[in-house]
Amino acid sequence: MLARSLESMLAEETAKTELGQRMPDDMPLRFESLRGFRLLPVGRTKNATHLSVSQIAAAILATATAKPGFAGLAGKILTSLRPVGGEEASFHGCATLGRAIECLLENPAACSTLLEVRVSDGEIYTNAHGRASIAYNDSGEVKTAHYVGHTALSLLQPDAEKTFNPREPISSVITEMVFFPWLFRRIANELERERLSSSMPPRDKDEETRKEDRAKRLGFLPNSRFLNLAVDNQITWPREETAFKFEGYLLITMPKTAENTTSIHIDLSGQHIDSEDAIQLINRFLSLMTWCDDQYSVVQEGWSGNPVPVPVRKRNRAFMTAAMWIFDRKIPASIEARKALAIYREGRNAEQNFLISYAVLAYYKIVELKHHGRTEARTWFAKNYEAIKGDRTLADTIKRFEAEAALRSEKPGDYLYRACRVAVAHANKPFSSDPDNPRELRRLHVAAQILRALARRFIRNELGVSDCPYDGS
């Protein structure tokens, strides 16, 4: 299984583990963290190298930590957890939790006995993070194998499981991730499918010839490293895979299929261009096509590193559902509140669909509903920015945001006005924004997260609109 396939599968399976859906970049950030700890393949072929079963096990366990940036550390800690009572008390005699997860993926008989796997990356004992349990059926009897860190030496001795009390951690509160059998079965089925396909007879000469012709037609090189980007559009697009020259560079387009979206590709290594310059080149091409056809085109997510251009799967349009859905709200009586909610929805739609300039403008406009004029609005932003700095969920975003403001020697409130609100609203200012520039777009994505938090604070505190869907307000 390739890392990209596992990443998509785990993103789909963990999408509903929380009340608020995980961010779109949650799983890619986790996989990058795992690579940082060398728990997944790294380098140019990282997305073209098949994962070992131990690497898949580490990726599964790494989903148990709340923050994606800690996934690598969590994967390393959790895979090395040891069985309470020694290997005799472990699930199928496995020496570590990581090996037990591998057993579930490799041994269908073992997986058929599984009831659930519970994992926590919390500090269970002093300076000892992580614990887990595997509940399984053994000849009609439900048994549970517990796992703790390797420093808990007294718990690793034979028969320790007989007196072990899992309800005695040092903390009065811990969180757990629960994995049910069908996750392991789904991955095991995919591994078996790949094994069977790899054991099929060699491809015939016609297929080999087609591959060689494609490589020659599209200019593949031994050191090729392709950037693959999804493009949501209504401009004129080739119905077949097509290579063409633009500003001296070879670009490749792929058409929409039942599984894939329209996409555009460029060989970064073979054409000696970095990813940011390549994205700007592609944006310039799409801007020209939008003008010529008078239709929209939006660059979406993508990745780089493949030796050949790879089709981009369609975005997962899944949304949050609930077994018990409760709703009890009324339309706000205030005209300002109604307008604020409408603009907020418009901004959230724009942010989610990569129209980041409009998201920045929409979030800023919400505050301008009550705080008129640039001085009054800038004062409000400066004052309330200090309040959201204490939000730990925004810590990484705040850090990046303040670094951008510091580059311009501006205070946060002034930066939000000049370099963000005015920059996207006006094209004739010295600090205007270029929507084709990927560095500029990345900067605005950071600003949009800050502005969204401020807009929500304004709607809640100053317009009195609750964000609870069933409080009757």
Protein backbone atom coordinates (compact mmCIF):
# COMPACT_ATOMS: atom_id res chain seq x y z
CA MET A 1 0.00 0.00 0.00
CA LEU A 2 1.29 3.45 -0.91
CA ALA A 3 1.41 6.22 1.69
CA ARG A 4 -1.03 8.31 -0.35
CA SER A 5 -3.62 5.51 -0.35
CA LEU A 6 -3.28 4.90 3.39
CA GLU A 7 -3.46 8.65 4.08
CA SER A 8 -6.76 8.93 2.19
CA MET A 9 -8.20 5.84 3.85
CA LEU A 10 -7.33 6.97 7.38
CA ALA A 11 -8.63 10.49 6.67
CA GLU A 12 -11.95 8.99 5.61
CA GLU A 13 -12.16 6.62 8.59
CA THR A 14 -11.27 9.27 11.21
CA ALA A 15 -13.42 12.06 9.75
CA LYS A 16 -16.24 11.52 12.25
CA THR A 17 -14.25 10.86 15.43
CA GLU A 18 -14.95 14.34 16.81
CA LEU A 19 -17.93 16.71 17.09
CA GLY A 20 -16.15 19.11 14.75
CA GLN A 21 -14.78 17.53 11.58
CA ARG A 22 -11.00 17.33 11.36
CA MET A 23 -9.23 19.91 9.19
CA PRO A 24 -8.53 18.92 5.55
CA ASP A 25 -4.78 19.02 6.18
CA ASP A 26 -4.95 16.95 9.38
CA MET A 27 -3.85 13.62 7.90
CA PRO A 28 -1.16 15.08 5.53
CA LEU A 29 0.37 16.84 8.57
CA ARG A 30 0.33 13.57 10.52
CA PHE A 31 2.10 11.73 7.71
CA GLU A 32 4.76 14.46 7.46
CA SER A 33 5.34 14.14 11.21
CA LEU A 34 5.68 10.36 10.84
CA ARG A 35 8.27 10.91 8.10
CA GLY A 36 10.16 13.23 10.42
CA PHE A 37 10.53 10.30 12.85
CA ARG A 38 11.47 7.97 9.96
CA LEU A 39 8.35 5.89 10.55
CA LEU A 40 7.34 6.30 6.88
CA PRO A 41 9.44 6.43 3.69
CA VAL A 42 11.16 9.77 3.02
CA GLY A 43 12.82 11.36 0.03
CA ARG A 44 11.84 11.71 -3.60
CA THR A 45 10.19 8.27 -3.79
CA LYS A 46 8.24 8.55 -0.53
CA ASN A 47 4.88 8.46 -2.33
CA ALA A 48 5.95 5.70 -4.74
CA THR A 49 7.32 3.28 -2.12
CA HIS A 50 5.02 0.57 -0.77
CA LEU A 51 4.65 0.69 2.99
CA SER A 52 5.68 -2.19 5.22
CA VAL A 53 3.14 -3.61 7.67
CA SER A 54 5.07 -2.03 10.57
CA GLN A 55 4.86 1.39 8.90
CA ILE A 56 1.11 0.97 8.39
CA ALA A 57 0.73 0.03 12.07
CA ALA A 58 2.60 3.18 13.15
CA ALA A 59 0.38 5.35 10.91
CA ILE A 60 -2.80 3.81 12.38
CA LEU A 61 -1.70 4.38 15.97
CA ALA A 62 -0.54 7.94 15.17
CA THR A 63 -4.18 8.96 14.58
CA ALA A 64 -4.78 8.60 18.33
CA THR A 65 -3.09 11.87 19.26
CA ALA A 66 -5.18 15.06 19.10
CA LYS A 67 -2.58 17.31 17.46
CA PRO A 68 -1.26 16.17 14.07
CA GLY A 69 2.17 17.66 14.75
CA PHE A 70 2.71 15.05 17.51
CA ALA A 71 1.82 12.09 15.27
CA GLY A 72 5.44 11.02 14.75
CA LEU A 73 6.19 11.01 18.47
CA ALA A 74 2.88 9.26 19.21
CA GLY A 75 3.59 6.60 16.59
CA LYS A 76 7.03 5.93 18.09
CA ILE A 77 5.73 5.74 21.67
CA LEU A 78 2.59 3.72 21.00
CA THR A 79 4.15 1.08 18.72
CA SER A 80 6.72 0.32 21.43
CA LEU A 81 4.23 -0.21 24.29
CA ARG A 82 4.82 -3.53 26.09
CA PRO A 83 2.21 -6.04 27.33
CA VAL A 84 1.29 -6.00 31.02
CA GLY A 85 2.31 -9.43 32.35
CA GLY A 86 4.79 -10.10 29.56
CA GLU A 87 4.33 -11.76 26.20
CA GLU A 88 2.34 -14.62 27.71
CA ALA A 89 -0.44 -12.14 28.54
CA SER A 90 -0.23 -10.33 25.22
CA PHE A 91 -2.56 -10.57 22.22
CA HIS A 92 -1.32 -13.62 20.28
CA GLY A 93 1.99 -13.46 22.15
CA CYS A 94 3.09 -10.21 20.48
CA ALA A 95 6.03 -8.44 22.14
CA THR A 96 4.75 -4.90 21.52
CA LEU A 97 1.54 -3.08 20.62
CA GLY A 98 2.96 -2.30 17.18
CA ARG A 99 3.52 -6.00 16.55
CA ALA A 100 -0.03 -6.76 17.75
CA ILE A 101 -1.42 -4.30 15.17
CA GLU A 102 0.73 -5.97 12.51
CA CYS A 103 -0.73 -9.33 13.57
CA LEU A 104 -4.26 -7.97 13.04
CA LEU A 105 -3.31 -6.90 9.51
CA GLU A 106 -1.45 -10.08 8.58
CA ASN A 107 -3.48 -12.79 10.34
CA PRO A 108 -7.18 -13.00 9.37
CA ALA A 109 -7.83 -15.54 12.14
CA ALA A 110 -6.47 -13.15 14.77
CA CYS A 111 -8.49 -10.25 13.35
CA SER A 112 -11.68 -12.34 13.44
CA THR A 113 -11.39 -12.59 17.25
CA LEU A 114 -10.89 -8.84 17.78
CA LEU A 115 -13.54 -6.80 19.58
CA GLU A 116 -11.78 -3.42 19.88
CA VAL A 117 -8.43 -1.68 20.35
CA ARG A 118 -8.25 1.27 22.77
CA VAL A 119 -5.29 3.66 22.64
CA SER A 120 -4.35 6.78 24.62
CA ASP A 121 -1.26 8.97 24.25
CA GLY A 122 -1.85 10.72 27.60
CA GLU A 123 0.54 10.73 30.54
CA ILE A 124 -0.69 7.59 32.27
CA TYR A 125 2.11 7.32 34.83
CA THR A 126 4.69 9.93 35.88
CA ASN A 127 6.79 10.83 32.79
CA ALA A 128 5.30 7.84 30.99
CA HIS A 129 2.97 8.55 28.08
CA GLY A 130 0.74 6.08 26.32
CA ARG A 131 -1.25 2.97 27.09
CA ALA A 132 -3.51 0.63 25.13
CA SER A 133 -5.74 -2.39 25.45
CA ILE A 134 -6.93 -5.06 23.02
CA ALA A 135 -10.23 -6.79 23.77
CA TYR A 136 -10.72 -10.07 21.96
CA ASN A 137 -12.73 -13.28 22.04
CA ASP A 138 -10.84 -16.42 23.11
CA SER A 139 -12.99 -19.56 22.79
CA GLY A 140 -16.11 -17.70 23.86
CA GLU A 141 -14.40 -15.82 26.68
CA VAL A 142 -13.73 -12.07 26.39
CA LYS A 143 -10.14 -11.26 27.31
CA THR A 144 -8.25 -7.97 27.42
CA ALA A 145 -4.52 -7.52 26.87
CA HIS A 146 -3.14 -4.27 28.31
CA TYR A 147 -0.05 -2.37 27.12
CA VAL A 148 2.09 0.23 28.91
CA GLY A 149 5.44 1.97 28.44
CA HIS A 150 8.68 0.00 28.74
CA THR A 151 9.70 1.92 31.89
CA ALA A 152 6.84 0.39 33.92
CA LEU A 153 9.06 -2.58 34.78
CA SER A 154 6.91 -3.97 37.58
CA LEU A 155 3.95 -4.26 35.19
CA LEU A 156 5.96 -6.17 32.60
CA GLN A 157 6.68 -9.10 34.93
CA PRO A 158 4.82 -12.44 34.56
CA ASP A 159 1.34 -12.52 36.16
CA ALA A 160 1.27 -8.72 36.60
CA GLU A 161 -1.91 -8.65 34.51
CA LYS A 162 -3.77 -10.44 37.32
CA THR A 163 -3.47 -7.47 39.69
CA PHE A 164 -3.24 -4.69 37.11
CA ASN A 165 -5.92 -1.98 37.51
CA PRO A 166 -6.35 0.09 34.31
CA ARG A 167 -8.38 2.66 36.27
CA GLU A 168 -5.40 3.94 38.27
CA PRO A 169 -3.58 6.44 36.04
CA ILE A 170 -2.07 9.58 37.59
CA SER A 171 -4.63 11.78 35.82
CA SER A 172 -8.32 11.89 36.66
CA VAL A 173 -9.14 12.42 32.96
CA ILE A 174 -7.72 10.76 29.84
CA THR A 175 -8.87 10.53 26.23
CA GLU A 176 -8.81 7.36 24.13
CA MET A 177 -9.12 6.47 20.47
CA VAL A 178 -11.11 3.29 19.86
CA PHE A 179 -10.43 1.19 16.75
CA PHE A 180 -13.00 -1.39 15.69
CA PRO A 181 -12.24 -4.55 13.65
CA TRP A 182 -13.51 -3.33 10.28
CA LEU A 183 -10.71 -0.74 10.00
CA PHE A 184 -8.11 -3.51 10.16
CA ARG A 185 -10.14 -5.71 7.82
CA ARG A 186 -10.40 -2.91 5.26
CA ILE A 187 -6.64 -2.34 5.25
CA ALA A 188 -5.92 -6.09 5.24
CA ASN A 189 -8.25 -6.56 2.25
CA GLU A 190 -6.43 -3.79 0.38
CA LEU A 191 -3.06 -5.41 1.14
CA GLU A 192 -4.37 -8.76 -0.09
CA ARG A 193 -5.70 -7.18 -3.28
CA GLU A 194 -2.31 -5.62 -3.96
CA ARG A 195 -0.56 -8.91 -3.24
CA LEU A 196 -2.75 -10.75 -5.73
CA SER A 197 -2.30 -8.07 -8.40
CA SER A 198 1.49 -8.15 -7.98
CA SER A 199 1.50 -11.94 -8.47
CA MET A 200 -0.32 -11.69 -11.82
CA PRO A 201 1.57 -12.61 -15.02
CA PRO A 202 3.85 -9.91 -16.52
CA ARG A 203 2.19 -7.30 -18.70
CA ASP A 204 2.17 -7.98 -22.42
CA LYS A 205 4.39 -6.14 -24.85
CA ASP A 206 1.57 -3.89 -25.98
CA GLU A 207 1.20 -2.47 -22.47
CA GLU A 208 4.95 -2.07 -22.11
CA THR A 209 5.03 -0.32 -25.45
CA ARG A 210 2.23 2.02 -24.40
CA LYS A 211 4.17 2.90 -21.23
CA GLU A 212 7.31 3.61 -23.23
CA ASP A 213 5.39 5.72 -25.75
CA ARG A 214 3.76 7.70 -22.92
CA ALA A 215 7.11 8.30 -21.25
CA LYS A 216 8.56 9.55 -24.53
CA ARG A 217 5.52 11.70 -25.37
CA LEU A 218 5.42 13.35 -21.94
CA GLY A 219 9.17 13.68 -21.54
CA PHE A 220 9.71 11.53 -18.42
CA LEU A 221 13.30 11.52 -17.13
CA PRO A 222 15.09 9.21 -14.66
CA ASN A 223 15.06 12.05 -12.10
CA SER A 224 11.53 13.32 -12.81
CA ARG A 225 9.59 14.60 -9.79
CA PHE A 226 6.10 15.72 -10.71
CA LEU A 227 3.87 18.27 -9.02
CA ASN A 228 0.22 17.15 -9.26
CA LEU A 229 -2.54 19.75 -8.69
CA ALA A 230 -6.31 19.41 -8.82
CA VAL A 231 -8.11 22.11 -10.83
CA ASP A 232 -11.84 22.70 -10.41
CA ASN A 233 -12.88 24.52 -13.58
CA GLN A 234 -15.28 25.14 -16.44
CA ILE A 235 -12.67 26.34 -18.93
CA THR A 236 -11.99 24.40 -22.12
CA TRP A 237 -10.02 21.30 -21.09
CA PRO A 238 -8.53 18.48 -23.22
CA ARG A 239 -10.51 15.23 -23.14
CA GLU A 240 -7.30 13.17 -23.07
CA GLU A 241 -3.96 13.41 -21.27
CA THR A 242 -2.22 16.27 -23.07
CA ALA A 243 1.25 17.85 -22.93
CA PHE A 244 1.84 21.42 -24.13
CA LYS A 245 4.42 24.19 -23.82
CA PHE A 246 3.74 27.36 -21.83
CA GLU A 247 6.42 30.00 -21.30
CA GLY A 248 9.11 27.44 -22.16
CA TYR A 249 7.84 24.80 -19.69
CA LEU A 250 6.04 21.54 -20.45
CA LEU A 251 2.67 21.26 -18.67
CA ILE A 252 0.50 18.13 -18.65
CA THR A 253 -3.28 18.10 -18.20
CA MET A 254 -5.45 15.13 -17.25
CA PRO A 255 -9.23 14.97 -17.78
CA LYS A 256 -11.98 14.28 -15.25
CA THR A 257 -13.01 10.63 -14.74
CA ALA A 258 -15.43 8.83 -12.44
CA GLU A 259 -12.77 8.74 -9.68
CA ASN A 260 -10.46 11.64 -10.55
CA THR A 261 -10.84 15.38 -11.01
CA THR A 262 -9.28 17.50 -13.76
CA SER A 263 -5.64 18.08 -12.92
CA ILE A 264 -2.44 19.73 -14.16
CA HIS A 265 1.13 18.48 -13.71
CA ILE A 266 4.71 19.69 -14.14
CA ASP A 267 8.08 17.97 -13.74
CA LEU A 268 9.90 20.01 -11.07
CA SER A 269 13.29 18.29 -11.25
CA GLY A 270 13.36 17.67 -14.98
CA GLN A 271 12.53 21.31 -15.76
CA HIS A 272 14.56 22.86 -12.91
CA ILE A 273 11.71 24.80 -11.31
CA ASP A 274 10.73 24.92 -7.63
CA SER A 275 7.19 24.18 -6.51
CA GLU A 276 6.20 27.79 -5.74
CA ASP A 277 7.35 29.09 -9.13
CA ALA A 278 5.59 26.13 -10.75
CA ILE A 279 2.31 26.92 -8.98
CA GLN A 280 2.58 30.56 -10.03
CA LEU A 281 3.22 29.48 -13.65
CA ILE A 282 0.13 27.24 -13.55
CA ASN A 283 -1.93 30.06 -12.04
CA ARG A 284 -0.82 32.40 -14.83
CA PHE A 285 -1.91 29.80 -17.40
CA LEU A 286 -5.31 29.38 -15.71
CA SER A 287 -5.78 33.16 -15.47
CA LEU A 288 -5.29 33.42 -19.24
CA MET A 289 -7.75 30.57 -19.88
CA THR A 290 -10.31 32.11 -17.52
CA TRP A 291 -10.05 35.37 -19.47
CA CYS A 292 -10.27 33.67 -22.88
CA ASP A 293 -13.21 31.40 -21.99
CA ASP A 294 -14.88 33.68 -19.41
CA GLN A 295 -15.27 30.66 -17.11
CA TYR A 296 -13.90 29.90 -13.65
CA SER A 297 -10.81 27.85 -12.73
CA VAL A 298 -9.61 27.19 -9.17
CA VAL A 299 -6.38 25.44 -8.17
CA GLN A 300 -7.07 23.04 -5.31
CA GLU A 301 -4.87 20.69 -3.27
CA GLY A 302 -2.01 18.61 -4.62
CA TRP A 303 1.36 17.06 -3.86
CA SER A 304 4.75 16.42 -5.45
CA GLY A 305 7.34 13.66 -5.60
CA ASN A 306 6.00 11.10 -8.09
CA PRO A 307 8.28 9.99 -10.96
CA VAL A 308 5.28 10.24 -13.33
CA PRO A 309 2.18 12.49 -13.27
CA VAL A 310 -0.54 10.94 -11.09
CA PRO A 311 -4.28 11.65 -11.42
CA VAL A 312 -5.78 13.54 -8.46
CA ARG A 313 -8.70 11.87 -6.74
CA LYS A 314 -11.94 13.82 -6.40
CA ARG A 315 -12.33 15.65 -3.12
CA ASN A 316 -14.10 13.81 -0.32
CA ARG A 317 -17.40 15.68 -0.06
CA ALA A 318 -18.47 13.85 3.11
CA PHE A 319 -20.17 15.98 5.73
CA MET A 320 -20.97 15.53 9.41
CA THR A 321 -23.94 13.36 10.28
CA ALA A 322 -25.37 12.45 13.67
CA ALA A 323 -27.44 9.51 14.91
CA MET A 324 -29.47 11.94 17.04
CA TRP A 325 -29.76 15.33 15.35
CA ILE A 326 -31.14 18.11 17.55
CA PHE A 327 -31.97 21.58 16.21
CA ASP A 328 -33.87 24.37 17.96
CA ARG A 329 -32.96 27.85 16.68
CA LYS A 330 -34.74 30.90 15.29
CA ILE A 331 -33.70 33.46 12.73
CA PRO A 332 -31.96 36.28 14.66
CA ALA A 333 -34.16 39.33 15.12
CA SER A 334 -31.26 41.71 14.49
CA ILE A 335 -30.66 42.74 10.88
CA GLU A 336 -26.94 43.02 11.66
CA ALA A 337 -26.83 39.46 13.04
CA ARG A 338 -28.62 38.06 9.99
CA LYS A 339 -26.24 39.85 7.66
CA ALA A 340 -23.20 38.76 9.69
CA LEU A 341 -24.21 35.10 9.48
CA ALA A 342 -24.79 35.41 5.74
CA ILE A 343 -21.37 36.99 5.18
CA TYR A 344 -19.73 34.42 7.47
CA ARG A 345 -21.20 31.57 5.39
CA GLU A 346 -19.96 33.27 2.23
CA GLY A 347 -16.48 33.63 3.72
CA ARG A 348 -16.39 30.02 4.97
CA ASN A 349 -17.45 28.76 1.53
CA ALA A 350 -14.74 30.83 -0.13
CA GLU A 351 -12.06 29.61 2.30
CA GLN A 352 -13.05 25.96 1.86
CA ASN A 353 -12.98 26.30 -1.93
CA PHE A 354 -9.55 27.98 -2.13
CA LEU A 355 -10.94 31.48 -2.92
CA ILE A 356 -8.92 32.85 -0.05
CA SER A 357 -8.94 36.55 -1.01
CA TYR A 358 -12.73 36.61 -0.75
CA ALA A 359 -12.63 34.78 2.57
CA VAL A 360 -10.28 37.41 4.03
CA LEU A 361 -12.51 40.24 2.82
CA ALA A 362 -15.70 38.57 4.06
CA TYR A 363 -14.41 37.97 7.59
CA TYR A 364 -13.15 41.55 7.85
CA LYS A 365 -16.47 42.96 6.57
CA ILE A 366 -18.34 41.26 9.41
CA VAL A 367 -16.62 43.46 12.01
CA GLU A 368 -17.26 46.54 9.84
CA LEU A 369 -21.01 46.00 10.30
CA LYS A 370 -20.74 47.82 13.65
CA HIS A 371 -17.28 49.37 13.65
CA HIS A 372 -17.38 51.83 10.77
CA GLY A 373 -14.34 53.48 9.28
CA ARG A 374 -10.83 52.14 9.11
CA THR A 375 -9.69 53.59 12.45
CA GLU A 376 -12.58 52.15 14.46
CA ALA A 377 -12.30 48.72 12.83
CA ARG A 378 -8.50 48.58 13.23
CA THR A 379 -8.85 49.49 16.90
CA TRP A 380 -11.34 46.65 17.42
CA PHE A 381 -9.07 44.13 15.70
CA ALA A 382 -6.02 45.24 17.69
CA LYS A 383 -7.90 44.95 20.99
CA ASN A 384 -9.54 41.61 20.31
CA TYR A 385 -6.46 40.03 18.74
CA GLU A 386 -4.89 39.99 22.20
CA ALA A 387 -7.91 38.00 23.45
CA ILE A 388 -7.61 35.20 20.87
CA LYS A 389 -3.85 34.86 21.43
CA GLY A 390 -4.68 32.73 24.46
CA ASP A 391 -6.47 30.14 22.30
CA ARG A 392 -4.13 27.14 22.30
CA THR A 393 -5.75 25.70 19.17
CA LEU A 394 -4.48 28.74 17.26
CA ALA A 395 -0.93 28.63 18.66
CA ASP A 396 0.78 27.53 15.42
CA THR A 397 -1.32 29.89 13.30
CA ILE A 398 -0.60 32.83 15.64
CA LYS A 399 3.12 32.14 15.35
CA ARG A 400 3.04 32.16 11.54
CA PHE A 401 0.75 35.20 11.49
CA GLU A 402 3.00 37.28 13.74
CA ALA A 403 6.06 36.30 11.69
CA GLU A 404 4.36 37.69 8.56
CA ALA A 405 3.38 40.90 10.36
CA ALA A 406 6.93 41.30 11.68
CA LEU A 407 8.32 41.08 8.14
CA ARG A 408 6.32 44.23 7.38
CA SER A 409 7.13 45.85 10.74
CA GLU A 410 3.41 46.18 11.47
CA LYS A 411 1.23 45.55 14.50
CA PRO A 412 -1.42 42.81 14.03
CA GLY A 413 -4.34 45.24 13.72
CA ASP A 414 -2.56 47.38 11.11
CA TYR A 415 -1.35 44.29 9.27
CA LEU A 416 -4.89 42.89 9.03
CA TYR A 417 -6.10 46.17 7.57
CA ARG A 418 -3.33 47.14 5.15
CA ALA A 419 -1.75 43.85 4.08
CA CYS A 420 -4.96 41.82 4.16
CA ARG A 421 -8.25 43.74 3.89
CA VAL A 422 -6.98 46.58 1.64
CA ALA A 423 -4.58 44.29 -0.24
CA VAL A 424 -7.35 42.00 -1.46
CA ALA A 425 -9.91 44.78 -2.01
CA HIS A 426 -7.74 47.14 -4.09
CA ALA A 427 -5.38 46.60 -7.00
CA ASN A 428 -3.82 50.07 -7.07
CA LYS A 429 -2.21 50.12 -3.63
CA PRO A 430 1.50 49.49 -2.94
CA PHE A 431 0.50 46.51 -0.79
CA SER A 432 -2.05 44.97 -3.19
CA SER A 433 -2.28 41.19 -3.51
CA ASP A 434 -1.43 38.94 -6.51
CA PRO A 435 -3.82 35.92 -6.49
CA ASP A 436 -1.49 33.96 -8.79
CA ASN A 437 1.42 34.12 -6.32
CA PRO A 438 1.47 30.97 -4.10
CA ARG A 439 3.52 32.71 -1.39
CA GLU A 440 0.86 35.41 -1.20
CA LEU A 441 -1.94 32.85 -1.11
CA ARG A 442 -0.24 30.98 1.72
CA ARG A 443 0.10 34.23 3.67
CA LEU A 444 -3.61 34.99 3.19
CA HIS A 445 -4.62 31.48 4.30
CA VAL A 446 -2.91 32.15 7.64
CA ALA A 447 -4.57 35.57 7.93
CA ALA A 448 -7.97 34.07 7.08
CA GLN A 449 -7.74 31.67 10.04
CA ILE A 450 -7.04 34.59 12.38
CA LEU A 451 -9.82 36.70 10.86
CA ARG A 452 -12.27 33.79 11.09
CA ALA A 453 -11.58 33.44 14.82
CA LEU A 454 -12.05 37.19 15.28
CA ALA A 455 -15.25 37.20 13.22
CA ARG A 456 -16.68 34.41 15.35
CA ARG A 457 -15.76 36.33 18.51
CA PHE A 458 -17.53 39.43 17.14
CA ILE A 459 -20.70 37.54 16.21
CA ARG A 460 -20.86 35.77 19.58
CA ASN A 461 -19.92 38.64 21.89
CA GLU A 462 -21.16 41.79 20.15
CA LEU A 463 -24.13 40.50 18.18
CA GLY A 464 -25.11 37.94 20.83
CA VAL A 465 -25.50 35.00 18.45
CA SER A 466 -24.97 31.61 20.10
CA ASP A 467 -23.15 28.86 18.18
CA CYS A 468 -25.18 26.10 19.86
CA PRO A 469 -27.66 24.55 17.37
CA TYR A 470 -30.25 23.62 20.00
CA ASP A 471 -30.36 26.33 22.69
CA GLY A 472 -33.66 27.77 21.46
CA SER A 473 -32.28 31.27 20.82
